[in-house]
Protein backbone atom coordinates (compact mmCIF):
# COMPACT_ATOMS: atom_id res chain seq x y z
CA GLY A 1 -1.06 2.19 -6.53
CA ALA A 2 -1.69 5.03 -4.17
CA VAL A 3 0.36 7.67 -5.98
CA ASN A 4 -0.94 10.81 -7.66
CA ASN A 5 0.21 9.89 -11.17
CA PRO A 6 0.39 6.10 -11.50
CA GLY A 7 1.92 4.72 -14.65
CA ARG A 8 5.14 3.55 -16.25
CA TYR A 9 8.25 5.67 -15.82
CA GLN A 10 11.48 4.93 -17.64
CA ILE A 11 14.68 5.25 -15.66
CA TYR A 12 18.14 4.61 -17.01
CA GLU A 13 20.17 4.42 -13.82
CA PRO A 14 19.46 3.51 -10.19
CA MET A 15 17.59 6.06 -8.11
CA GLU A 16 16.43 6.37 -4.52
CA LEU A 17 12.95 5.09 -3.69
CA MET A 18 11.69 8.52 -2.59
CA MET A 19 12.81 10.08 -5.89
CA ALA A 20 10.96 7.37 -7.80
CA LEU A 21 7.82 8.03 -5.76
CA GLY A 22 8.28 11.74 -6.48
CA MET A 23 8.37 11.01 -10.23
CA ALA A 24 4.91 9.48 -9.81
CA GLY A 25 3.61 12.66 -8.19
CA GLY A 26 4.06 11.56 -4.59
CA ILE A 27 1.77 9.54 -2.37
CA LYS A 28 -1.94 10.45 -2.34
CA ASP A 29 -2.71 9.86 1.31
CA MET A 30 0.09 8.75 3.60
CA ARG A 31 -2.43 7.73 6.27
CA LYS A 32 -3.72 4.95 4.00
CA VAL A 33 -0.37 3.62 2.78
CA THR A 34 0.55 0.24 4.20
CA ASP A 35 3.53 -1.06 2.25
CA VAL A 36 5.63 -0.35 -0.79
CA LEU A 37 6.46 -3.43 -2.86
CA ILE A 38 9.50 -3.39 -5.08
CA MET A 39 9.43 -6.18 -7.62
CA ARG A 40 12.95 -6.62 -8.90
CA GLN A 41 13.79 -7.70 -12.44
CA ASN A 42 15.26 -10.96 -11.08
CA GLY A 43 11.90 -11.90 -9.50
CA GLU A 44 12.67 -10.90 -5.93
CA ILE A 45 10.07 -8.86 -4.05
CA GLU A 46 11.14 -6.37 -1.41
CA VAL A 47 8.45 -5.20 1.01
CA ILE A 48 9.00 -1.85 2.69
CA ASN A 49 6.82 -0.47 5.46
CA LEU A 50 7.06 3.19 4.51
CA LYS A 51 5.50 4.55 7.71
CA LYS A 52 8.17 2.90 9.85
CA LEU A 53 11.00 4.03 7.60
CA ILE A 54 9.98 7.68 7.47
CA ARG A 55 10.95 8.17 11.11
CA LYS A 56 14.17 10.16 11.51
CA GLU A 57 16.24 7.24 12.74
CA HIS A 58 15.47 5.24 9.59
CA LEU A 59 15.96 7.89 6.89
CA ASP A 60 19.33 6.43 5.94
CA ILE A 61 17.61 3.12 5.06
CA ILE A 62 15.29 4.93 2.66
CA LYS A 63 18.28 6.53 0.96
CA GLN A 64 19.89 3.11 0.64
CA THR A 65 16.79 1.64 -1.03
CA LEU A 66 17.48 1.95 -4.72
CA ILE A 67 15.20 1.39 -7.67
CA TYR A 68 16.83 -0.05 -10.77
CA PRO A 69 15.71 0.00 -14.43
CA GLU A 70 13.03 -2.67 -15.02
CA ASP A 71 11.93 -2.68 -11.34
CA THR A 72 8.23 -2.27 -10.56
CA ILE A 73 6.99 -0.32 -7.54
CA VAL A 74 3.54 -0.90 -6.07
CA VAL A 75 2.29 1.39 -3.30
CA GLU A 76 -0.34 -0.48 -1.34
CA ALA A 77 -3.04 1.49 0.42
CA ARG A 78 -5.68 0.30 2.80
CA ASP A 79 -9.16 1.12 1.59
CA PHE A 80 -12.37 0.51 3.43
CA ASN A 81 -14.23 -2.47 2.01
CA TRP A 82 -17.90 -1.46 1.96
CA GLY A 83 -18.93 -4.85 0.58
CA GLN A 84 -17.59 -6.64 3.65
CA LEU A 85 -19.26 -4.14 5.96
CA SER A 86 -22.59 -4.66 4.21
CA PHE A 87 -22.24 -8.44 4.41
CA PHE A 88 -21.43 -8.48 8.13
CA THR A 89 -24.15 -5.94 8.93
CA THR A 90 -26.74 -8.06 7.13
CA LEU A 91 -25.43 -11.24 8.78
CA SER A 92 -25.53 -9.62 12.24
CA TYR A 93 -29.08 -8.41 11.69
CA ALA A 94 -30.17 -11.89 10.55
CA LEU A 95 -28.56 -13.53 13.62
CA ILE A 96 -30.25 -11.06 15.97
CA ARG A 97 -33.63 -11.76 14.35
CA ILE A 98 -33.10 -15.54 14.66
CA ILE A 99 -32.17 -15.18 18.32
CA GLU A 100 -35.24 -13.02 18.91
CA LEU A 101 -37.51 -15.56 17.23
CA LEU A 102 -36.05 -18.50 19.13
CA PHE A 103 -35.82 -17.02 22.59
CA LEU A 104 -38.50 -14.35 22.83
């Protein structure tokens, strides 16, 4: 995910989400983070929008979000997809050329 030191971390008792993220070195770039997924041992997936929760009025919810042994945390970050940009740029250029050939 989008943390500074991704990897496996062993915990033996429940801990707050922010402490778990701190164990992984913190978040690389908060501007790119979209969601935090917590995959529980029982198969449930909890999706947390970290940007919304960091506001002052929601800090108590973050403290209530606990990570348990055997849980998996995935910090999703939005990255720019250069492949899609290249595809759409090429497609746009081709459509413009076709229009030019047909109508000019």
